[in-house]
C-alpha atoms as a PDB file:
ATOM      1  CA  MET A   1      63.457  29.473 -39.643  1.00  0.00           C
ATOM      2  CA  THR A   2      60.884  30.973 -37.230  1.00  0.00           C
ATOM      3  CA  SER A   3      57.155  30.613 -37.877  1.00  0.00           C
ATOM      4  CA  PRO A   4      55.258  33.900 -38.296  1.00  0.00           C
ATOM      5  CA  VAL A   5      53.367  35.006 -35.075  1.00  0.00           C
ATOM      6  CA  SER A   6      49.729  34.768 -35.520  1.00  0.00           C
ATOM      7  CA  ALA A   7      47.451  37.592 -34.547  1.00  0.00           C
ATOM      8  CA  PRO A   8      45.560  37.050 -31.401  1.00  0.00           C
ATOM      9  CA  VAL A   9      42.018  35.828 -31.938  1.00  0.00           C
ATOM     10  CA  LEU A  10      39.325  38.080 -30.301  1.00  0.00           C
ATOM     11  CA  SER A  11      36.547  36.399 -28.517  1.00  0.00           C
ATOM     12  CA  ARG A  12      33.276  36.789 -30.296  1.00  0.00           C
ATOM     13  CA  ARG A  13      31.412  36.919 -27.009  1.00  0.00           C
ATOM     14  CA  PRO A  14      33.156  38.981 -24.419  1.00  0.00           C
ATOM     15  CA  SER A  15      32.720  38.090 -20.756  1.00  0.00           C
ATOM     16  CA  PRO A  16      29.986  39.856 -18.828  1.00  0.00           C
ATOM     17  CA  VAL A  17      32.672  41.711 -16.869  1.00  0.00           C
ATOM     18  CA  ALA A  18      34.356  42.914 -20.118  1.00  0.00           C
ATOM     19  CA  ALA A  19      30.914  43.987 -21.472  1.00  0.00           C
ATOM     20  CA  VAL A  20      30.118  45.959 -18.365  1.00  0.00           C
ATOM     21  CA  ALA A  21      33.633  47.583 -18.514  1.00  0.00           C
ATOM     22  CA  ASN A  22      33.018  48.439 -22.084  1.00  0.00           C
ATOM     23  CA  SER A  23      29.698  50.051 -21.396  1.00  0.00           C
ATOM     24  CA  PHE A  24      31.211  52.288 -18.598  1.00  0.00           C
ATOM     25  CA  THR A  25      34.081  53.257 -20.707  1.00  0.00           C
ATOM     26  CA  LEU A  26      31.722  54.616 -23.402  1.00  0.00           C
ATOM     27  CA  ALA A  27      29.578  56.121 -20.705  1.00  0.00           C
ATOM     28  CA  TRP A  28      32.479  58.285 -19.700  1.00  0.00           C
ATOM     29  CA  ARG A  29      32.850  59.347 -23.200  1.00  0.00           C
ATOM     30  CA  SER A  30      29.292  60.551 -23.073  1.00  0.00           C
ATOM     31  CA  VAL A  31      29.994  62.387 -19.803  1.00  0.00           C
ATOM     32  CA  LEU A  32      33.037  64.104 -21.413  1.00  0.00           C
ATOM     33  CA  LYS A  33      30.853  65.277 -24.270  1.00  0.00           C
ATOM     34  CA  ILE A  34      28.781  67.380 -21.852  1.00  0.00           C
ATOM     35  CA  LYS A  35      31.899  69.085 -20.713  1.00  0.00           C
ATOM     36  CA  THR A  36      33.256  69.844 -24.128  1.00  0.00           C
ATOM     37  CA  ASN A  37      29.963  70.900 -25.632  1.00  0.00           C
ATOM     38  CA  PRO A  38      29.122  74.514 -24.094  1.00  0.00           C
ATOM     39  CA  GLU A  39      25.758  74.662 -25.858  1.00  0.00           C
ATOM     40  CA  ASP A  40      24.640  71.333 -24.374  1.00  0.00           C
ATOM     41  CA  LEU A  41      26.046  72.320 -20.968  1.00  0.00           C
ATOM     42  CA  PHE A  42      24.323  75.795 -20.900  1.00  0.00           C
ATOM     43  CA  GLY A  43      21.039  73.989 -21.926  1.00  0.00           C
ATOM     44  CA  LEU A  44      21.346  71.558 -19.226  1.00  0.00           C
ATOM     45  CA  LEU A  45      22.002  74.251 -16.599  1.00  0.00           C
ATOM     46  CA  LEU A  46      19.596  77.021 -17.797  1.00  0.00           C
ATOM     47  CA  GLN A  47      16.507  74.892 -18.876  1.00  0.00           C
ATOM     48  CA  PRO A  48      15.419  73.983 -15.309  1.00  0.00           C
ATOM     49  CA  ILE A  49      15.978  77.583 -14.126  1.00  0.00           C
ATOM     50  CA  MET A  50      13.782  78.925 -16.899  1.00  0.00           C
ATOM     51  CA  TYR A  51      11.061  76.368 -16.059  1.00  0.00           C
ATOM     52  CA  LEU A  52      10.997  77.338 -12.378  1.00  0.00           C
ATOM     53  CA  ILE A  53      10.979  81.069 -12.982  1.00  0.00           C
ATOM     54  CA  LEU A  54       8.452  81.116 -15.766  1.00  0.00           C
ATOM     55  CA  PHE A  55       5.942  78.589 -14.247  1.00  0.00           C
ATOM     56  CA  THR A  56       6.187  79.976 -10.665  1.00  0.00           C
ATOM     57  CA  TYR A  57       5.767  83.621 -11.465  1.00  0.00           C
ATOM     58  CA  VAL A  58       3.402  83.219 -14.465  1.00  0.00           C
ATOM     59  CA  PHE A  59       0.971  80.746 -12.932  1.00  0.00           C
ATOM     60  CA  GLY A  60       1.596  81.056  -9.097  1.00  0.00           C
ATOM     61  CA  GLY A  61      -0.674  84.076  -8.405  1.00  0.00           C
ATOM     62  CA  ALA A  62      -3.428  82.777 -10.653  1.00  0.00           C
ATOM     63  CA  ILE A  63      -3.490  79.149  -9.403  1.00  0.00           C
ATOM     64  CA  SER A  64      -2.439  79.217  -5.866  1.00  0.00           C
ATOM     65  CA  GLY A  65      -2.738  82.976  -4.905  1.00  0.00           C
ATOM     66  CA  GLY A  66       0.862  83.360  -4.315  1.00  0.00           C
ATOM     67  CA  THR A  67       4.320  82.316  -5.638  1.00  0.00           C
ATOM     68  CA  HIS A  68       5.587  80.650  -2.573  1.00  0.00           C
ATOM     69  CA  ARG A  69       2.534  78.417  -2.000  1.00  0.00           C
ATOM     70  CA  TYR A  70       2.596  77.423  -5.786  1.00  0.00           C
ATOM     71  CA  LEU A  71       6.312  76.755  -5.636  1.00  0.00           C
ATOM     72  CA  GLN A  72       5.745  74.186  -2.822  1.00  0.00           C
ATOM     73  CA  PHE A  73       3.162  72.489  -5.122  1.00  0.00           C
ATOM     74  CA  SER A  74       4.836  72.876  -8.488  1.00  0.00           C
ATOM     75  CA  LEU A  75       8.583  72.280  -7.859  1.00  0.00           C
ATOM     76  CA  PRO A  76       8.256  68.468  -7.557  1.00  0.00           C
ATOM     77  CA  GLY A  77       6.210  68.541 -10.817  1.00  0.00           C
ATOM     78  CA  ILE A  78       8.839  70.767 -12.635  1.00  0.00           C
ATOM     79  CA  LEU A  79      11.503  68.387 -11.454  1.00  0.00           C
ATOM     80  CA  VAL A  80       9.714  65.602 -13.191  1.00  0.00           C
ATOM     81  CA  LEU A  81       9.126  67.746 -16.306  1.00  0.00           C
ATOM     82  CA  SER A  82      12.893  68.732 -16.564  1.00  0.00           C
ATOM     83  CA  VAL A  83      14.195  65.324 -16.342  1.00  0.00           C
ATOM     84  CA  VAL A  84      11.481  63.605 -18.491  1.00  0.00           C
ATOM     85  CA  PHE A  85      12.132  66.231 -21.291  1.00  0.00           C
ATOM     86  CA  ALA A  86      15.935  65.645 -20.791  1.00  0.00           C
ATOM     87  CA  THR A  87      15.596  62.043 -21.827  1.00  0.00           C
ATOM     88  CA  MET A  88      14.914  63.218 -25.415  1.00  0.00           C
ATOM     89  CA  GLY A  89      18.643  64.058 -25.594  1.00  0.00           C
ATOM     90  CA  THR A  90      19.488  60.433 -25.517  1.00  0.00           C
ATOM     91  CA  GLY A  91      17.852  59.644 -28.728  1.00  0.00           C
ATOM     92  CA  MET A  92      19.093  62.892 -30.377  1.00  0.00           C
ATOM     93  CA  MET A  93      22.720  62.213 -29.585  1.00  0.00           C
ATOM     94  CA  LEU A  94      22.379  58.557 -30.754  1.00  0.00           C
ATOM     95  CA  SER A  95      21.017  59.509 -33.977  1.00  0.00           C
ATOM     96  CA  GLN A  96      23.697  62.139 -34.420  1.00  0.00           C
ATOM     97  CA  ASP A  97      26.463  59.700 -33.590  1.00  0.00           C
ATOM     98  CA  ILE A  98      25.021  57.080 -35.913  1.00  0.00           C
ATOM     99  CA  ALA A  99      24.655  59.496 -38.829  1.00  0.00           C
ATOM    100  CA  THR A 100      28.116  60.872 -38.441  1.00  0.00           C
ATOM    101  CA  GLY A 101      29.731  57.309 -38.504  1.00  0.00           C
ATOM    102  CA  VAL A 102      30.942  57.270 -34.942  1.00  0.00           C
ATOM    103  CA  PHE A 103      29.182  53.920 -34.199  1.00  0.00           C
ATOM    104  CA  ASP A 104      30.911  52.463 -37.383  1.00  0.00           C
ATOM    105  CA  ARG A 105      34.203  53.090 -35.746  1.00  0.00           C
ATOM    106  CA  PHE A 106      33.010  51.275 -32.579  1.00  0.00           C
ATOM    107  CA  ARG A 107      32.170  48.144 -34.789  1.00  0.00           C
ATOM    108  CA  ALA A 108      36.020  47.847 -35.409  1.00  0.00           C
ATOM    109  CA  LEU A 109      36.749  47.689 -31.749  1.00  0.00           C
ATOM    110  CA  PRO A 110      36.957  44.505 -29.682  1.00  0.00           C
ATOM    111  CA  ILE A 111      33.942  45.447 -27.609  1.00  0.00           C
ATOM    112  CA  VAL A 112      30.429  43.988 -27.128  1.00  0.00           C
ATOM    113  CA  ARG A 113      28.100  45.225 -29.763  1.00  0.00           C
ATOM    114  CA  TRP A 114      25.630  46.848 -27.493  1.00  0.00           C
ATOM    115  CA  ALA A 115      28.260  48.641 -25.459  1.00  0.00           C
ATOM    116  CA  PRO A 116      27.956  51.900 -27.204  1.00  0.00           C
ATOM    117  CA  LEU A 117      24.251  51.902 -26.745  1.00  0.00           C
ATOM    118  CA  ALA A 118      24.340  51.188 -23.035  1.00  0.00           C
ATOM    119  CA  GLY A 119      27.251  53.539 -22.554  1.00  0.00           C
ATOM    120  CA  ALA A 120      25.318  56.509 -24.148  1.00  0.00           C
ATOM    121  CA  ILE A 121      22.340  55.723 -21.843  1.00  0.00           C
ATOM    122  CA  LEU A 122      24.452  55.332 -18.684  1.00  0.00           C
ATOM    123  CA  GLY A 123      26.399  58.510 -19.515  1.00  0.00           C
ATOM    124  CA  ASP A 124      23.030  60.415 -19.876  1.00  0.00           C
ATOM    125  CA  LEU A 125      22.198  59.407 -16.254  1.00  0.00           C
ATOM    126  CA  VAL A 126      24.765  62.020 -15.221  1.00  0.00           C
ATOM    127  CA  ARG A 127      22.758  64.547 -17.162  1.00  0.00           C
ATOM    128  CA  TYR A 128      19.662  63.756 -15.243  1.00  0.00           C
ATOM    129  CA  VAL A 129      21.357  63.965 -11.842  1.00  0.00           C
ATOM    130  CA  ILE A 130      22.726  67.477 -12.798  1.00  0.00           C
ATOM    131  CA  SER A 131      19.178  68.579 -13.877  1.00  0.00           C
ATOM    132  CA  ILE A 132      17.784  67.283 -10.500  1.00  0.00           C
ATOM    133  CA  GLY A 133      20.533  69.183  -8.476  1.00  0.00           C
ATOM    134  CA  ILE A 134      20.058  72.394 -10.446  1.00  0.00           C
ATOM    135  CA  THR A 135      16.282  72.193 -10.193  1.00  0.00           C
ATOM    136  CA  LEU A 136      16.266  71.573  -6.368  1.00  0.00           C
ATOM    137  CA  GLY A 137      19.103  74.059  -5.635  1.00  0.00           C
ATOM    138  CA  PHE A 138      17.457  76.958  -7.563  1.00  0.00           C
ATOM    139  CA  GLY A 139      14.062  75.989  -6.105  1.00  0.00           C
ATOM    140  CA  VAL A 140      15.573  76.437  -2.661  1.00  0.00           C
ATOM    141  CA  VAL A 141      16.870  79.803  -3.698  1.00  0.00           C
ATOM    142  CA  LEU A 142      13.425  80.820  -4.819  1.00  0.00           C
ATOM    143  CA  GLY A 143      11.939  79.768  -1.409  1.00  0.00           C
ATOM    144  CA  PHE A 144      11.065  76.123  -1.880  1.00  0.00           C
ATOM    145  CA  ARG A 145      11.449  74.241   1.546  1.00  0.00           C
ATOM    146  CA  PHE A 146      11.637  70.448   2.045  1.00  0.00           C
ATOM    147  CA  GLN A 147       9.157  69.218   4.511  1.00  0.00           C
ATOM    148  CA  THR A 148      10.407  65.679   4.833  1.00  0.00           C
ATOM    149  CA  SER A 149      13.541  63.920   5.860  1.00  0.00           C
ATOM    150  CA  ALA A 150      16.887  63.720   4.096  1.00  0.00           C
ATOM    151  CA  ALA A 151      16.257  60.008   3.395  1.00  0.00           C
ATOM    152  CA  ALA A 152      12.857  60.822   1.696  1.00  0.00           C
ATOM    153  CA  VAL A 153      14.367  63.499  -0.513  1.00  0.00           C
ATOM    154  CA  THR A 154      17.179  61.121  -1.521  1.00  0.00           C
ATOM    155  CA  ALA A 155      14.635  58.425  -2.290  1.00  0.00           C
ATOM    156  CA  GLY A 156      12.664  60.966  -4.441  1.00  0.00           C
ATOM    157  CA  CYS A 157      15.807  61.736  -6.471  1.00  0.00           C
ATOM    158  CA  LEU A 158      16.682  58.031  -6.953  1.00  0.00           C
ATOM    159  CA  LEU A 159      13.041  57.257  -8.011  1.00  0.00           C
ATOM    160  CA  LEU A 160      13.420  60.002 -10.635  1.00  0.00           C
ATOM    161  CA  VAL A 161      16.645  58.719 -11.955  1.00  0.00           C
ATOM    162  CA  ALA A 162      15.287  55.221 -12.093  1.00  0.00           C
ATOM    163  CA  PHE A 163      12.166  56.326 -14.052  1.00  0.00           C
ATOM    164  CA  SER A 164      14.241  58.553 -16.393  1.00  0.00           C
ATOM    165  CA  PHE A 165      16.402  55.449 -17.090  1.00  0.00           C
ATOM    166  CA  ALA A 166      13.490  53.577 -18.286  1.00  0.00           C
ATOM    167  CA  MET A 167      12.090  56.517 -20.357  1.00  0.00           C
ATOM    168  CA  CYS A 168      15.514  56.986 -22.038  1.00  0.00           C
ATOM    169  CA  TRP A 169      15.161  53.639 -23.712  1.00  0.00           C
ATOM    170  CA  MET A 170      12.080  54.939 -25.528  1.00  0.00           C
ATOM    171  CA  SER A 171      14.161  57.923 -26.623  1.00  0.00           C
ATOM    172  CA  ALA A 172      16.983  55.546 -27.593  1.00  0.00           C
ATOM    173  CA  LEU A 173      14.656  53.508 -29.840  1.00  0.00           C
ATOM    174  CA  LEU A 174      13.616  56.742 -31.494  1.00  0.00           C
ATOM    175  CA  GLY A 175      17.194  57.688 -32.016  1.00  0.00           C
ATOM    176  CA  VAL A 176      17.966  54.333 -33.646  1.00  0.00           C
ATOM    177  CA  ILE A 177      14.935  54.078 -35.991  1.00  0.00           C
ATOM    178  CA  VAL A 178      14.644  57.811 -36.978  1.00  0.00           C
ATOM    179  CA  LYS A 179      17.181  59.063 -39.537  1.00  0.00           C
ATOM    180  CA  SER A 180      18.066  62.442 -38.065  1.00  0.00           C
ATOM    181  CA  ALA A 181      18.310  64.145 -34.696  1.00  0.00           C
ATOM    182  CA  GLN A 182      15.685  66.737 -35.808  1.00  0.00           C
ATOM    183  CA  GLY A 183      13.305  63.869 -36.530  1.00  0.00           C
ATOM    184  CA  VAL A 184      13.932  62.428 -33.077  1.00  0.00           C
ATOM    185  CA  GLN A 185      13.215  65.772 -31.503  1.00  0.00           C
ATOM    186  CA  LEU A 186       9.927  66.239 -33.576  1.00  0.00           C
ATOM    187  CA  TYR A 187       8.536  62.779 -32.806  1.00  0.00           C
ATOM    188  CA  GLY A 188       9.819  62.869 -29.181  1.00  0.00           C
ATOM    189  CA  PHE A 189       8.076  66.122 -28.560  1.00  0.00           C
ATOM    190  CA  LEU A 190       4.823  64.978 -30.068  1.00  0.00           C
ATOM    191  CA  PHE A 191       4.846  61.993 -27.696  1.00  0.00           C
ATOM    192  CA  MET A 192       6.349  63.728 -24.584  1.00  0.00           C
ATOM    193  CA  PHE A 193       4.061  66.855 -24.765  1.00  0.00           C
ATOM    194  CA  PRO A 194       0.783  65.212 -24.006  1.00  0.00           C
ATOM    195  CA  LEU A 195       2.342  62.759 -21.553  1.00  0.00           C
ATOM    196  CA  VAL A 196       4.027  65.535 -19.589  1.00  0.00           C
ATOM    197  CA  PHE A 197       1.306  68.333 -19.698  1.00  0.00           C
ATOM    198  CA  GLY A 198      -1.638  65.963 -19.569  1.00  0.00           C
ATOM    199  CA  SER A 199      -0.737  65.273 -15.859  1.00  0.00           C
ATOM    200  CA  ASN A 200      -0.994  66.992 -12.612  1.00  0.00           C
ATOM    201  CA  ILE A 201       2.516  68.477 -12.867  1.00  0.00           C
ATOM    202  CA  LEU A 202       1.265  72.211 -12.915  1.00  0.00           C
ATOM    203  CA  THR A 203      -2.171  72.039 -11.533  1.00  0.00           C
ATOM    204  CA  ALA A 204      -4.546  69.714  -9.554  1.00  0.00           C
ATOM    205  CA  SER A 205      -6.342  67.159 -11.725  1.00  0.00           C
ATOM    206  CA  ASN A 206      -9.673  68.033 -10.045  1.00  0.00           C
ATOM    207  CA  THR A 207      -9.851  71.374 -11.963  1.00  0.00           C
ATOM    208  CA  MET A 208      -9.766  69.525 -15.306  1.00  0.00           C
ATOM    209  CA  PRO A 209     -12.721  68.349 -17.494  1.00  0.00           C
ATOM    210  CA  GLY A 210     -13.767  64.822 -16.852  1.00  0.00           C
ATOM    211  CA  TRP A 211     -12.426  63.425 -20.115  1.00  0.00           C
ATOM    212  CA  LEU A 212      -9.013  64.717 -19.332  1.00  0.00           C
ATOM    213  CA  GLN A 213      -9.061  63.611 -15.746  1.00  0.00           C
ATOM    214  CA  ALA A 214      -9.613  60.004 -17.003  1.00  0.00           C
ATOM    215  CA  PHE A 215      -6.224  60.348 -18.853  1.00  0.00           C
ATOM    216  CA  VAL A 216      -4.453  62.153 -16.131  1.00  0.00           C
ATOM    217  CA  LYS A 217      -5.314  59.531 -13.559  1.00  0.00           C
ATOM    218  CA  VAL A 218      -3.610  56.631 -15.526  1.00  0.00           C
ATOM    219  CA  ASN A 219      -0.689  58.790 -16.750  1.00  0.00           C
ATOM    220  CA  PRO A 220       2.592  57.369 -15.381  1.00  0.00           C
ATOM    221  CA  VAL A 221       3.806  60.894 -15.049  1.00  0.00           C
ATOM    222  CA  THR A 222       1.089  61.600 -12.650  1.00  0.00           C
ATOM    223  CA  TYR A 223       2.107  58.724 -10.459  1.00  0.00           C
ATOM    224  CA  LEU A 224       5.596  59.922 -10.491  1.00  0.00           C
ATOM    225  CA  THR A 225       4.652  63.541  -9.678  1.00  0.00           C
ATOM    226  CA  ASP A 226       2.498  62.360  -6.739  1.00  0.00           C
ATOM    227  CA  ALA A 227       5.472  60.324  -5.506  1.00  0.00           C
ATOM    228  CA  GLU A 228       7.765  63.268  -5.703  1.00  0.00           C
ATOM    229  CA  ARG A 229       5.421  65.602  -3.969  1.00  0.00           C
ATOM    230  CA  ALA A 230       4.893  63.154  -1.155  1.00  0.00           C
ATOM    231  CA  LEU A 231       8.745  62.469  -0.847  1.00  0.00           C
ATOM    232  CA  LEU A 232       9.663  66.201  -0.871  1.00  0.00           C
ATOM    233  CA  THR A 233       6.722  67.990   0.827  1.00  0.00           C
ATOM    234  CA  GLY A 234       5.028  65.157   2.774  1.00  0.00           C
ATOM    235  CA  GLY A 235       2.027  62.926   2.471  1.00  0.00           C
ATOM    236  CA  PRO A 236       1.364  59.207   1.739  1.00  0.00           C
ATOM    237  CA  ALA A 237       3.926  58.058  -0.733  1.00  0.00           C
ATOM    238  CA  ALA A 238       3.715  54.177  -0.690  1.00  0.00           C
ATOM    239  CA  THR A 239       1.139  53.798  -3.418  1.00  0.00           C
ATOM    240  CA  ALA A 240       2.521  56.532  -5.866  1.00  0.00           C
ATOM    241  CA  VAL A 241       6.008  55.154  -5.519  1.00  0.00           C
ATOM    242  CA  GLU A 242       5.074  51.521  -6.145  1.00  0.00           C
ATOM    243  CA  ARG A 243       3.049  52.497  -9.351  1.00  0.00           C
ATOM    244  CA  SER A 244       5.881  54.589 -10.486  1.00  0.00           C
ATOM    245  CA  LEU A 245       8.328  51.808 -10.111  1.00  0.00           C
ATOM    246  CA  LEU A 246       5.997  49.340 -11.805  1.00  0.00           C
ATOM    247  CA  TRP A 247       5.581  51.807 -14.767  1.00  0.00           C
ATOM    248  CA  ALA A 248       9.418  52.184 -15.000  1.00  0.00           C
ATOM    249  CA  ALA A 249       9.906  48.527 -15.016  1.00  0.00           C
ATOM    250  CA  GLY A 250       7.271  47.952 -17.598  1.00  0.00           C
ATOM    251  CA  ILE A 251       8.701  50.636 -19.901  1.00  0.00           C
ATOM    252  CA  PHE A 252      12.125  49.264 -19.469  1.00  0.00           C
ATOM    253  CA  VAL A 253      11.135  45.617 -20.138  1.00  0.00           C
ATOM    254  CA  VAL A 254       9.241  46.735 -23.395  1.00  0.00           C
ATOM    255  CA  PHE A 255      11.500  49.366 -24.868  1.00  0.00           C
ATOM    256  CA  ALA A 256      15.029  48.187 -23.800  1.00  0.00           C
ATOM    257  CA  PRO A 257      14.888  45.023 -26.021  1.00  0.00           C
ATOM    258  CA  LEU A 258      13.239  46.866 -28.791  1.00  0.00           C
ATOM    259  CA  ALA A 259      15.935  49.533 -28.819  1.00  0.00           C
ATOM    260  CA  VAL A 260      18.720  46.924 -28.717  1.00  0.00           C
ATOM    261  CA  ALA A 261      17.189  44.983 -31.603  1.00  0.00           C
ATOM    262  CA  ALA A 262      16.821  48.040 -33.636  1.00  0.00           C
ATOM    263  CA  TYR A 263      20.321  49.170 -32.957  1.00  0.00           C
ATOM    264  CA  ARG A 264      21.664  45.799 -34.027  1.00  0.00           C
ATOM    265  CA  ARG A 265      19.780  46.002 -37.238  1.00  0.00           C
ATOM    266  CA  ARG A 266      20.853  49.654 -37.835  1.00  0.00           C
ATOM    267  CA  THR A 267      24.554  48.815 -37.243  1.00  0.00           C
ATOM    268  CA  ALA A 268      24.779  45.404 -38.783  1.00  0.00           C
END
């Protein structure tokens, strides 16, 4: 009489290689969601274009005396604005997936527990790259001209992706602890709005009142905008790039562990 075949025992702790593979597999799922969701795709494509048209032609003449001159100043800032606001989508989609039970299904799979969270964030990096490409491409159509080398422009894009990667962990934390996607959008907007517009994205900080200048000067979005302007249109970039990277590292170190811990509690 043959003995019954026992079911294979799955490892409780997958290897680092398997964990990375799980994360990239689920990241591909996030990328496919962009393709299969027309509303999300249209928003991703049209939002940067609307920012460029509205800010350039509404503020250009009043602030710089002409739209072309203002576009050279504002496009790096609008690039930062588009990508930083896009990080809110990470938390909204996480909250929606958790609420609809998608992450409960992931728990039944032989994957590392944090892979769905990491996969969602890695997949959203594709969204940021698309947003950067649309903003730069349409900016060139409107008349923006790069005044630095291809290497500097590439460095500016990579810096923006690195900073947005850190910021999306803040959004992920909101997505895990807030019960609905609408709540994530509300709280995210309340936090992002002063951070983004309380900076030098759209106008020089020396035109602002003193109390606001004090905030603008220590705002990480200001450092990032200064770095993007230097890398795209010229000027000293080392200090702004260094401070942007330090802020990105600090945000990641603080919020990534918090997001992972909150995710584990939510999906336990």
